[in-house]
Amino acid sequence: MRLTKLLLIVLAVFLIIWIDLPENLKIGGLVINPLSVDFNLLGLRIKKDFRTHLGLDLKGGSHLVFEADLTKIKKEDFQDALNSARDIIEKRVNFFGVAEPIIQTIKSQDKYRISVDLPGINDVNQAVSLIGKTAQLSFKEEIKIDDPYLATTTPLISRLTQDSGVSGKHIKKASLSFDSQTGKPQVALSFNEEGKRLFAQATKRNLQKPLAIWLDDILLSAPIVQTEINDGNAVITGNFTVNEAKKLAISINSGALPLPIKLIEQKNIGPTLGKSEVKRSVFAGVVGLLAVLLFMILYYGRLGFIANLTLIIYGLISFAIFRIIPVVLTLSGIAGFILSIGMAVDSNILIFERIREELRKGKDFEIAVQLGFGRAIDAIKDANITTLTVAFILFNPLNWEFLPQFGMVRGFALTLAIGVATSLFTGVVITKRLIKFFYKIP
């Protein structure tokens, strides 16, 4: 059992170091790159390169301006159509909310445009293909699987891929409405004549079954069909908040409204921060980190050495997570990570001070360690949970109306949250294990 645990630890350390390796690392005549995977799993190709992604302010990227064709859109729907186009572009280039593109809508006289800045993409053709054209909305039903085992083990989301014949072109409009009996928010759909016929057939085929609504490759909703709908008007009900129902309606409209966009301007942009400023920032960070490491050793001795070792492990794990997600690092994101380093050191200081207090009371070192960790853990958890809560609010995954979306703020919140969560693990678990190892405590 102990040997298995040791092997798992060694394997984890090996993988983390491999992921963290710099690109094109030369050792003698050998060139080593970070871990990359490319294999097929049950017919699904999994390809992943673990490398560092830098933001616009550190690396530059592509600047694109698209002009929206609103000739087929009613004037009162202009803003909704433009917002829908902007949202779907952001979903395509920023699926996990960490790529930090800068996407803005611009009105110039009677022209409506969308400006897109993409970090790390210097090939304009690649950027254009990434954004694509008009969003594709489709309604899909569950595929029939003859194999009983596959029918029960295949996830529902993987089974909702059969085209029902209903698409975004069949929807007149999606809008927020409220249930007349309960007052709960819902999404009302209205279909054109062809959509009315096709939707009636789809609901008849799928009574008491889910009918999924897909936008590109993103599942928006999978409501259960309660009854056959013949009048071309439907509602999507659920435990929605007003904002969630409104967001779903906008997402459906982005696939329903025929809003072509045309590329009218393209150029590559350089990093907004000069190389000299970046080097100075890195130098300042290294000096500050070395000062902290030196202080911990001088003030806490062997315990300080253990804290520094824990800090190094913390840095390796955090950086590996950044590459696995991947997180696009901007200056604000790096600031969030540096702040979390301070909290990681703070956790060790709390623990060590509690241990010292117990030693001053005359306790044996082994007992002082147990009591010190026990007394410090509550303060560490409270401080970290508070910071994680703030990071959660800043990251704003629910898109609350009273919190605006800012990519830079989200990058700061994400790196801070990852760093704090990792420091909570290393500061408590790893530090305790290292103390027991170096002091030979059973």
Protein backbone atom coordinates (compact mmCIF):
# COMPACT_ATOMS: atom_id res chain seq x y z
CA MET A 1 0.00 0.00 0.00
CA ARG A 2 2.78 2.42 0.96
CA LEU A 3 4.74 1.46 -2.19
CA THR A 4 1.69 2.12 -4.39
CA LYS A 5 1.19 5.51 -2.74
CA LEU A 6 4.87 6.37 -3.27
CA LEU A 7 4.69 5.38 -6.96
CA LEU A 8 1.59 7.53 -7.47
CA ILE A 9 3.34 10.52 -5.87
CA VAL A 10 6.43 10.01 -8.06
CA LEU A 11 4.23 9.72 -11.18
CA ALA A 12 2.31 12.90 -10.25
CA VAL A 13 5.55 14.83 -9.67
CA PHE A 14 6.96 13.58 -12.99
CA LEU A 15 3.83 14.66 -14.91
CA ILE A 16 3.73 18.09 -13.24
CA ILE A 17 7.40 18.77 -14.05
CA TRP A 18 6.89 17.54 -17.63
CA ILE A 19 3.90 19.86 -18.11
CA ASP A 20 5.86 22.79 -16.64
CA LEU A 21 8.91 22.38 -18.89
CA PRO A 22 9.80 25.40 -21.06
CA GLU A 23 9.30 24.94 -24.78
CA ASN A 24 12.26 23.70 -26.85
CA LEU A 25 14.40 22.99 -23.78
CA LYS A 26 17.85 21.92 -24.94
CA ILE A 27 19.83 19.45 -22.83
CA GLY A 28 23.03 18.62 -24.66
CA GLY A 29 21.94 17.72 -28.16
CA LEU A 30 18.43 16.72 -27.01
CA VAL A 31 15.44 19.05 -27.39
CA ILE A 32 12.64 18.46 -24.87
CA ASN A 33 9.16 20.01 -25.03
CA PRO A 34 6.29 20.05 -22.53
CA LEU A 35 3.89 17.13 -22.44
CA SER A 36 1.43 16.82 -25.32
CA VAL A 37 -1.22 14.14 -25.85
CA ASP A 38 -2.85 12.92 -29.06
CA PHE A 39 -4.89 9.71 -28.94
CA ASN A 40 -8.33 8.23 -29.63
CA LEU A 41 -10.62 7.21 -26.79
CA LEU A 42 -13.78 5.33 -27.77
CA GLY A 43 -13.73 6.99 -31.18
CA LEU A 44 -13.13 10.45 -29.70
CA ARG A 45 -9.84 12.12 -30.59
CA ILE A 46 -8.16 13.84 -27.65
CA LYS A 47 -5.42 16.28 -28.59
CA LYS A 48 -3.84 18.65 -26.10
CA ASP A 49 -0.65 20.69 -26.00
CA PHE A 50 0.44 21.95 -22.58
CA ARG A 51 2.04 25.31 -23.21
CA THR A 52 1.87 28.84 -21.83
CA HIS A 53 -0.65 31.19 -23.45
CA LEU A 54 0.12 34.91 -23.18
CA GLY A 55 -2.43 37.71 -23.47
CA LEU A 56 -2.57 40.72 -25.74
CA ASP A 57 -0.57 42.91 -23.38
CA LEU A 58 2.31 40.43 -23.26
CA LYS A 59 2.31 38.82 -26.69
CA GLY A 60 0.06 40.72 -29.06
CA GLY A 61 -2.38 39.09 -31.48
CA SER A 62 -4.94 39.89 -34.17
CA HIS A 63 -7.26 42.89 -34.44
CA LEU A 64 -10.37 42.29 -36.55
CA VAL A 65 -13.33 44.52 -37.34
CA PHE A 66 -16.54 42.98 -38.70
CA GLU A 67 -19.45 44.91 -40.18
CA ALA A 68 -22.89 43.50 -39.42
CA ASP A 69 -25.49 43.22 -42.17
CA LEU A 70 -28.75 44.30 -40.51
CA THR A 71 -30.82 44.71 -43.67
CA LYS A 72 -33.07 41.78 -42.76
CA ILE A 73 -33.47 42.81 -39.12
CA LYS A 74 -36.24 45.02 -37.79
CA LYS A 75 -34.93 48.33 -36.46
CA GLU A 76 -36.19 47.64 -32.93
CA ASP A 77 -34.19 44.36 -32.94
CA PHE A 78 -30.88 45.94 -34.07
CA GLN A 79 -29.28 46.08 -30.62
CA ASP A 80 -30.42 42.58 -29.62
CA ALA A 81 -29.10 41.16 -32.89
CA LEU A 82 -25.76 42.91 -32.47
CA ASN A 83 -25.43 41.78 -28.84
CA SER A 84 -26.30 38.23 -29.91
CA ALA A 85 -23.57 38.27 -32.56
CA ARG A 86 -21.06 39.63 -30.04
CA ASP A 87 -22.00 36.97 -27.47
CA ILE A 88 -21.65 34.08 -29.91
CA ILE A 89 -18.26 35.35 -31.11
CA GLU A 90 -17.10 35.46 -27.49
CA LYS A 91 -18.37 31.91 -26.92
CA ARG A 92 -16.45 30.67 -29.93
CA VAL A 93 -13.12 32.22 -29.00
CA ASN A 94 -13.53 32.15 -25.24
CA PHE A 95 -15.43 28.97 -24.41
CA PHE A 96 -14.00 28.71 -20.89
CA GLY A 97 -13.96 32.44 -20.22
CA VAL A 98 -10.16 32.54 -19.91
CA ALA A 99 -8.90 33.41 -23.40
CA GLU A 100 -9.48 37.10 -22.59
CA PRO A 101 -10.44 38.43 -26.01
CA ILE A 102 -11.55 42.04 -26.22
CA ILE A 103 -14.88 42.12 -28.09
CA GLN A 104 -16.80 45.38 -28.51
CA THR A 105 -19.79 46.61 -30.51
CA ILE A 106 -19.27 49.89 -32.36
CA LYS A 107 -21.83 52.20 -33.98
CA SER A 108 -20.51 54.65 -36.53
CA GLN A 109 -23.28 56.77 -38.10
CA ASP A 110 -25.58 54.13 -39.60
CA LYS A 111 -22.97 51.33 -39.55
CA TYR A 112 -22.88 48.64 -36.87
CA ARG A 113 -19.57 46.90 -36.30
CA ILE A 114 -17.94 44.36 -33.98
CA SER A 115 -14.30 44.78 -32.98
CA VAL A 116 -12.40 41.63 -31.95
CA ASP A 117 -8.90 41.52 -30.44
CA LEU A 118 -7.53 37.98 -30.06
CA PRO A 119 -4.38 37.33 -28.00
CA GLY A 120 -1.64 35.12 -29.37
CA ILE A 121 -3.16 34.73 -32.86
CA ASN A 122 -1.01 36.40 -35.48
CA ASP A 123 -2.50 34.49 -38.41
CA VAL A 124 -5.53 36.55 -39.43
CA ASN A 125 -6.98 33.71 -41.52
CA GLN A 126 -6.86 31.47 -38.44
CA ALA A 127 -8.67 34.14 -36.44
CA VAL A 128 -11.40 34.56 -39.07
CA SER A 129 -11.96 30.80 -39.33
CA LEU A 130 -12.12 30.62 -35.54
CA ILE A 131 -14.90 33.20 -35.39
CA GLY A 132 -16.80 31.78 -38.35
CA LYS A 133 -19.94 33.24 -39.82
CA THR A 134 -23.57 33.17 -38.67
CA ALA A 135 -24.35 31.18 -35.51
CA GLN A 136 -26.09 27.86 -36.21
CA LEU A 137 -29.04 27.00 -33.97
CA SER A 138 -30.55 23.51 -34.13
CA PHE A 139 -33.04 21.36 -32.26
CA LYS A 140 -31.88 17.80 -31.76
CA GLU A 141 -33.55 14.71 -30.38
CA GLU A 142 -32.20 11.56 -28.81
CA ILE A 143 -30.61 9.04 -31.16
CA LYS A 144 -31.76 5.44 -31.03
CA ILE A 145 -29.16 3.03 -29.67
CA ASP A 146 -29.88 -0.66 -30.23
CA ASP A 147 -27.16 -1.93 -27.90
CA PRO A 148 -28.76 -2.04 -24.38
CA TYR A 149 -25.40 -1.55 -22.66
CA LEU A 150 -24.50 1.53 -24.72
CA ALA A 151 -28.02 2.88 -24.32
CA THR A 152 -27.64 2.94 -20.53
CA THR A 153 -23.98 4.00 -20.28
CA THR A 154 -23.82 6.71 -22.97
CA PRO A 155 -24.31 10.16 -21.37
CA LEU A 156 -27.55 11.92 -22.32
CA ILE A 157 -25.70 14.89 -23.83
CA SER A 158 -23.94 12.49 -26.23
CA ARG A 159 -27.27 10.94 -27.26
CA LEU A 160 -28.99 14.26 -28.07
CA THR A 161 -27.46 14.52 -31.53
CA GLN A 162 -30.23 13.43 -33.92
CA ASP A 163 -31.34 16.32 -36.15
CA SER A 164 -35.05 17.04 -35.69
CA GLY A 165 -35.33 19.23 -38.79
CA VAL A 166 -35.99 22.39 -36.74
CA SER A 167 -33.28 25.06 -36.87
CA GLY A 168 -32.73 28.74 -36.15
CA LYS A 169 -34.24 29.80 -39.47
CA HIS A 170 -37.60 28.49 -38.30
CA ILE A 171 -37.77 30.74 -35.21
CA LYS A 172 -39.34 34.18 -35.44
CA LYS A 173 -38.22 35.26 -32.02
CA ALA A 174 -37.33 34.10 -28.49
CA SER A 175 -38.26 36.37 -25.61
CA LEU A 176 -38.49 36.50 -21.84
CA SER A 177 -41.98 35.84 -20.46
CA PHE A 178 -43.55 34.87 -17.15
CA ASP A 179 -45.81 31.97 -16.21
CA SER A 180 -49.33 33.34 -15.70
CA GLN A 181 -49.95 31.02 -12.73
CA THR A 182 -46.66 30.90 -10.86
CA GLY A 183 -45.04 34.13 -12.09
CA LYS A 184 -41.78 32.28 -12.77
CA PRO A 185 -39.62 33.47 -15.69
CA GLN A 186 -39.59 31.37 -18.84
CA VAL A 187 -38.55 31.66 -22.48
CA ALA A 188 -41.26 32.03 -25.12
CA LEU A 189 -40.60 30.79 -28.67
CA SER A 190 -42.56 31.64 -31.80
CA PHE A 191 -42.06 29.76 -35.08
CA ASN A 192 -42.76 30.63 -38.72
CA GLU A 193 -45.14 28.51 -40.81
CA GLU A 194 -42.55 25.90 -41.80
CA GLY A 195 -41.17 25.83 -38.26
CA LYS A 196 -44.70 25.41 -36.88
CA ARG A 197 -45.17 22.22 -38.93
CA LEU A 198 -41.71 20.78 -38.21
CA PHE A 199 -41.87 21.61 -34.50
CA ALA A 200 -45.29 19.92 -34.21
CA GLN A 201 -43.80 16.76 -35.72
CA ALA A 202 -40.74 16.93 -33.44
CA THR A 203 -42.83 17.36 -30.28
CA LYS A 204 -45.13 14.53 -31.30
CA ARG A 205 -42.13 12.19 -31.74
CA ASN A 206 -40.54 13.18 -28.45
CA LEU A 207 -43.37 13.27 -25.89
CA GLN A 208 -41.88 13.02 -22.36
CA LYS A 209 -38.41 13.09 -23.92
CA PRO A 210 -35.81 15.87 -24.08
CA LEU A 211 -35.54 18.06 -27.18
CA ALA A 212 -32.13 19.70 -27.05
CA ILE A 213 -31.39 23.23 -28.27
CA TRP A 214 -27.82 23.55 -29.59
CA LEU A 215 -26.00 26.72 -30.60
CA ASP A 216 -23.00 25.66 -32.69
CA ASP A 217 -21.53 22.94 -30.44
CA ILE A 218 -22.86 24.43 -27.20
CA LEU A 219 -25.90 22.89 -25.48
CA LEU A 220 -28.19 25.74 -24.43
CA SER A 221 -31.06 23.76 -22.96
CA ALA A 222 -32.69 20.31 -23.10
CA PRO A 223 -36.33 20.80 -22.04
CA ILE A 224 -38.66 17.79 -21.70
CA VAL A 225 -41.53 17.84 -24.18
CA GLN A 226 -44.75 17.80 -22.12
CA THR A 227 -47.29 17.89 -24.94
CA GLU A 228 -47.56 18.09 -28.72
CA ILE A 229 -47.35 21.74 -29.85
CA ASN A 230 -49.27 22.61 -33.01
CA ASP A 231 -49.79 26.37 -32.82
CA GLY A 232 -46.17 27.43 -33.40
CA ASN A 233 -45.77 28.90 -29.92
CA ALA A 234 -43.81 27.18 -27.16
CA VAL A 235 -42.30 27.99 -23.80
CA ILE A 236 -39.18 26.66 -22.13
CA THR A 237 -39.76 26.34 -18.40
CA GLY A 238 -37.36 25.52 -15.59
CA ASN A 239 -35.87 26.92 -12.43
CA PHE A 240 -34.67 30.05 -14.24
CA THR A 241 -33.84 33.38 -12.72
CA VAL A 242 -34.93 36.39 -14.77
CA ASN A 243 -31.36 36.92 -15.94
CA GLU A 244 -30.87 33.25 -16.90
CA ALA A 245 -34.09 33.23 -18.93
CA LYS A 246 -33.11 36.48 -20.65
CA LYS A 247 -29.64 35.11 -21.43
CA LEU A 248 -31.12 31.92 -22.93
CA ALA A 249 -33.48 34.00 -25.11
CA ILE A 250 -30.55 36.10 -26.39
CA SER A 251 -28.54 32.94 -27.13
CA ILE A 252 -31.45 31.43 -29.10
CA ASN A 253 -31.93 34.67 -31.01
CA SER A 254 -28.25 34.73 -31.92
CA GLY A 255 -28.85 31.55 -33.89
CA ALA A 256 -32.27 32.55 -35.11
CA LEU A 257 -31.54 36.06 -36.41
CA PRO A 258 -29.94 36.07 -39.88
CA LEU A 259 -27.01 38.36 -39.08
CA PRO A 260 -24.11 37.89 -41.50
CA ILE A 261 -20.88 39.67 -40.62
CA LYS A 262 -18.24 40.83 -43.10
CA LEU A 263 -14.56 41.36 -42.31
CA ILE A 264 -13.66 44.96 -43.20
CA GLU A 265 -10.39 45.50 -41.30
CA GLN A 266 -7.61 43.21 -40.19
CA LYS A 267 -4.18 43.74 -38.71
CA ASN A 268 -1.69 42.23 -36.33
CA ILE A 269 -1.09 44.12 -33.09
CA GLY A 270 2.00 44.06 -30.91
CA PRO A 271 2.06 43.69 -27.15
CA THR A 272 0.89 46.79 -25.31
CA LEU A 273 3.70 46.37 -22.80
CA GLY A 274 7.24 46.77 -24.10
CA LYS A 275 9.83 44.06 -23.58
CA SER A 276 11.76 46.24 -21.18
CA GLU A 277 8.69 46.73 -18.95
CA VAL A 278 8.00 42.99 -18.95
CA LYS A 279 11.63 42.27 -18.01
CA ARG A 280 11.47 44.81 -15.19
CA SER A 281 8.26 43.25 -13.89
CA VAL A 282 9.81 39.78 -13.95
CA PHE A 283 12.96 41.08 -12.26
CA ALA A 284 10.91 42.77 -9.52
CA GLY A 285 8.91 39.57 -8.98
CA VAL A 286 12.07 37.44 -8.73
CA VAL A 287 13.70 39.87 -6.27
CA GLY A 288 10.56 39.93 -4.12
CA LEU A 289 10.28 36.14 -4.15
CA LEU A 290 13.96 35.67 -3.22
CA ALA A 291 13.52 38.16 -0.36
CA VAL A 292 10.58 36.12 0.97
CA LEU A 293 12.52 32.84 0.66
CA LEU A 294 15.52 34.36 2.47
CA PHE A 295 13.35 35.80 5.24
CA MET A 296 11.64 32.44 5.87
CA ILE A 297 14.98 30.64 6.24
CA LEU A 298 16.57 33.31 8.45
CA TYR A 299 13.54 33.65 10.72
CA TYR A 300 12.25 30.08 10.93
CA GLY A 301 15.38 28.04 10.19
CA ARG A 302 14.58 24.48 9.14
CA LEU A 303 10.87 25.21 9.18
CA GLY A 304 11.54 28.12 6.82
CA PHE A 305 13.38 25.76 4.46
CA ILE A 306 10.33 23.47 4.50
CA ALA A 307 8.08 26.46 3.78
CA ASN A 308 10.26 27.42 0.80
CA LEU A 309 10.15 23.86 -0.51
CA THR A 310 6.36 23.93 -0.16
CA LEU A 311 6.28 27.24 -2.03
CA ILE A 312 8.25 25.74 -4.92
CA ILE A 313 5.86 22.78 -5.07
CA TYR A 314 2.95 25.23 -4.98
CA GLY A 315 4.39 27.16 -7.92
CA LEU A 316 4.90 23.99 -10.00
CA ILE A 317 1.34 22.78 -9.37
CA SER A 318 -0.23 26.18 -10.08
CA PHE A 319 1.72 26.64 -13.30
CA ALA A 320 0.72 23.13 -14.43
CA ILE A 321 -2.95 23.99 -13.81
CA PHE A 322 -2.54 27.21 -15.82
CA ARG A 323 -1.29 25.15 -18.77
CA ILE A 324 -3.88 22.39 -18.40
CA ILE A 325 -6.94 24.71 -18.51
CA PRO A 326 -5.27 26.70 -20.29
CA VAL A 327 -5.22 30.17 -18.73
CA VAL A 328 -4.16 33.09 -20.92
CA LEU A 329 -1.69 35.02 -18.78
CA THR A 330 -1.93 38.80 -18.83
CA LEU A 331 -0.28 41.25 -16.47
CA SER A 332 -3.45 41.29 -14.34
CA GLY A 333 -3.48 37.49 -14.25
CA ILE A 334 0.13 37.41 -13.13
CA ALA A 335 -0.77 39.94 -10.42
CA GLY A 336 -3.47 37.56 -9.17
CA PHE A 337 -0.95 34.71 -9.05
CA ILE A 338 1.63 36.81 -7.17
CA LEU A 339 -1.04 37.79 -4.65
CA SER A 340 -1.84 34.11 -4.08
CA ILE A 341 1.90 33.47 -3.45
CA GLY A 342 1.67 35.92 -0.56
CA MET A 343 -1.31 34.00 0.84
CA ALA A 344 0.61 30.72 0.49
CA VAL A 345 3.46 32.15 2.58
CA ASP A 346 0.94 33.59 5.03
CA SER A 347 -0.51 30.11 5.64
CA ASN A 348 2.91 28.75 6.59
CA ILE A 349 3.59 31.70 8.90
CA LEU A 350 0.31 31.10 10.74
CA ILE A 351 1.17 27.43 11.17
CA PHE A 352 4.74 28.06 12.32
CA GLU A 353 3.73 30.76 14.81
CA ARG A 354 1.16 28.41 16.35
CA ILE A 355 3.83 25.69 16.59
CA ARG A 356 6.19 28.17 18.31
CA GLU A 357 3.49 29.12 20.79
CA GLU A 358 3.04 25.48 21.75
CA LEU A 359 6.81 24.98 22.05
CA ARG A 360 7.04 28.02 24.38
CA LYS A 361 4.46 26.32 26.57
CA GLY A 362 6.87 23.41 26.97
CA LYS A 363 5.13 20.93 24.63
CA ASP A 364 7.10 18.28 22.77
CA PHE A 365 7.75 19.11 19.12
CA GLU A 366 5.50 16.32 17.82
CA ILE A 367 2.59 17.49 20.00
CA ALA A 368 3.33 21.15 19.15
CA VAL A 369 3.07 20.33 15.44
CA GLN A 370 -0.29 18.61 15.88
CA LEU A 371 -1.70 21.41 18.05
CA GLY A 372 -0.18 24.14 15.86
CA PHE A 373 -1.82 22.79 12.71
CA GLY A 374 -5.10 22.31 14.54
CA ARG A 375 -5.15 25.90 15.82
CA ALA A 376 -4.02 27.45 12.52
CA ILE A 377 -6.27 25.53 10.15
CA ASP A 378 -9.45 27.47 11.01
CA ALA A 379 -7.82 30.85 10.37
CA ILE A 380 -6.27 29.60 7.13
CA LYS A 381 -9.57 28.19 5.87
CA ASP A 382 -11.48 31.36 6.75
CA ALA A 383 -8.95 33.61 5.00
CA ASN A 384 -8.80 31.43 1.88
CA ILE A 385 -12.56 30.89 1.61
CA THR A 386 -13.12 34.65 1.88
CA THR A 387 -10.63 35.28 -0.92
CA LEU A 388 -12.14 32.50 -3.07
CA THR A 389 -15.59 34.04 -2.60
CA VAL A 390 -14.34 37.42 -3.82
CA ALA A 391 -12.58 35.75 -6.77
CA PHE A 392 -15.82 33.91 -7.62
CA ILE A 393 -17.73 37.20 -7.68
CA LEU A 394 -15.07 38.89 -9.82
CA PHE A 395 -14.96 35.98 -12.26
CA ASN A 396 -18.73 36.37 -12.64
CA PRO A 397 -19.64 32.99 -14.20
CA LEU A 398 -23.39 33.67 -13.88
CA ASN A 399 -23.12 36.94 -15.81
CA TRP A 400 -25.08 38.84 -13.18
CA GLU A 401 -26.37 42.12 -14.55
CA PHE A 402 -24.93 44.20 -11.73
CA LEU A 403 -21.42 42.90 -12.40
CA PRO A 404 -20.00 43.91 -15.80
CA GLN A 405 -17.84 41.49 -17.77
CA PHE A 406 -14.21 42.56 -17.94
CA GLY A 407 -11.71 40.05 -19.37
CA MET A 408 -8.78 41.45 -17.42
CA VAL A 409 -10.69 41.27 -14.14
CA ARG A 410 -11.76 37.70 -14.86
CA GLY A 411 -8.14 36.75 -15.60
CA PHE A 412 -7.05 38.24 -12.27
CA ALA A 413 -9.88 36.41 -10.46
CA LEU A 414 -9.13 33.08 -12.13
CA THR A 415 -5.39 33.01 -11.40
CA LEU A 416 -6.07 34.23 -7.86
CA ALA A 417 -8.65 31.48 -7.27
CA ILE A 418 -6.38 28.76 -8.68
CA GLY A 419 -3.45 30.03 -6.64
CA VAL A 420 -5.44 30.28 -3.40
CA ALA A 421 -6.99 26.81 -3.81
CA THR A 422 -3.56 25.33 -4.56
CA SER A 423 -1.95 27.16 -1.63
CA LEU A 424 -4.64 25.81 0.70
CA PHE A 425 -3.67 22.30 -0.38
CA THR A 426 0.10 22.76 -0.27
CA GLY A 427 0.11 24.92 2.87
CA VAL A 428 -1.80 22.38 4.92
CA VAL A 429 -1.26 18.96 3.35
CA ILE A 430 2.22 19.24 1.79
CA THR A 431 3.74 21.32 4.63
CA LYS A 432 2.52 18.83 7.25
CA ARG A 433 3.91 15.86 5.30
CA LEU A 434 7.28 17.58 4.82
CA ILE A 435 7.56 18.45 8.52
CA LYS A 436 6.85 14.85 9.45
CA PHE A 437 9.43 13.67 6.90
CA PHE A 438 12.26 16.03 7.89
CA TYR A 439 11.64 15.75 11.64
CA LYS A 440 10.96 11.99 11.41
CA ILE A 441 7.57 12.27 13.11
CA PRO A 442 5.50 9.08 12.72
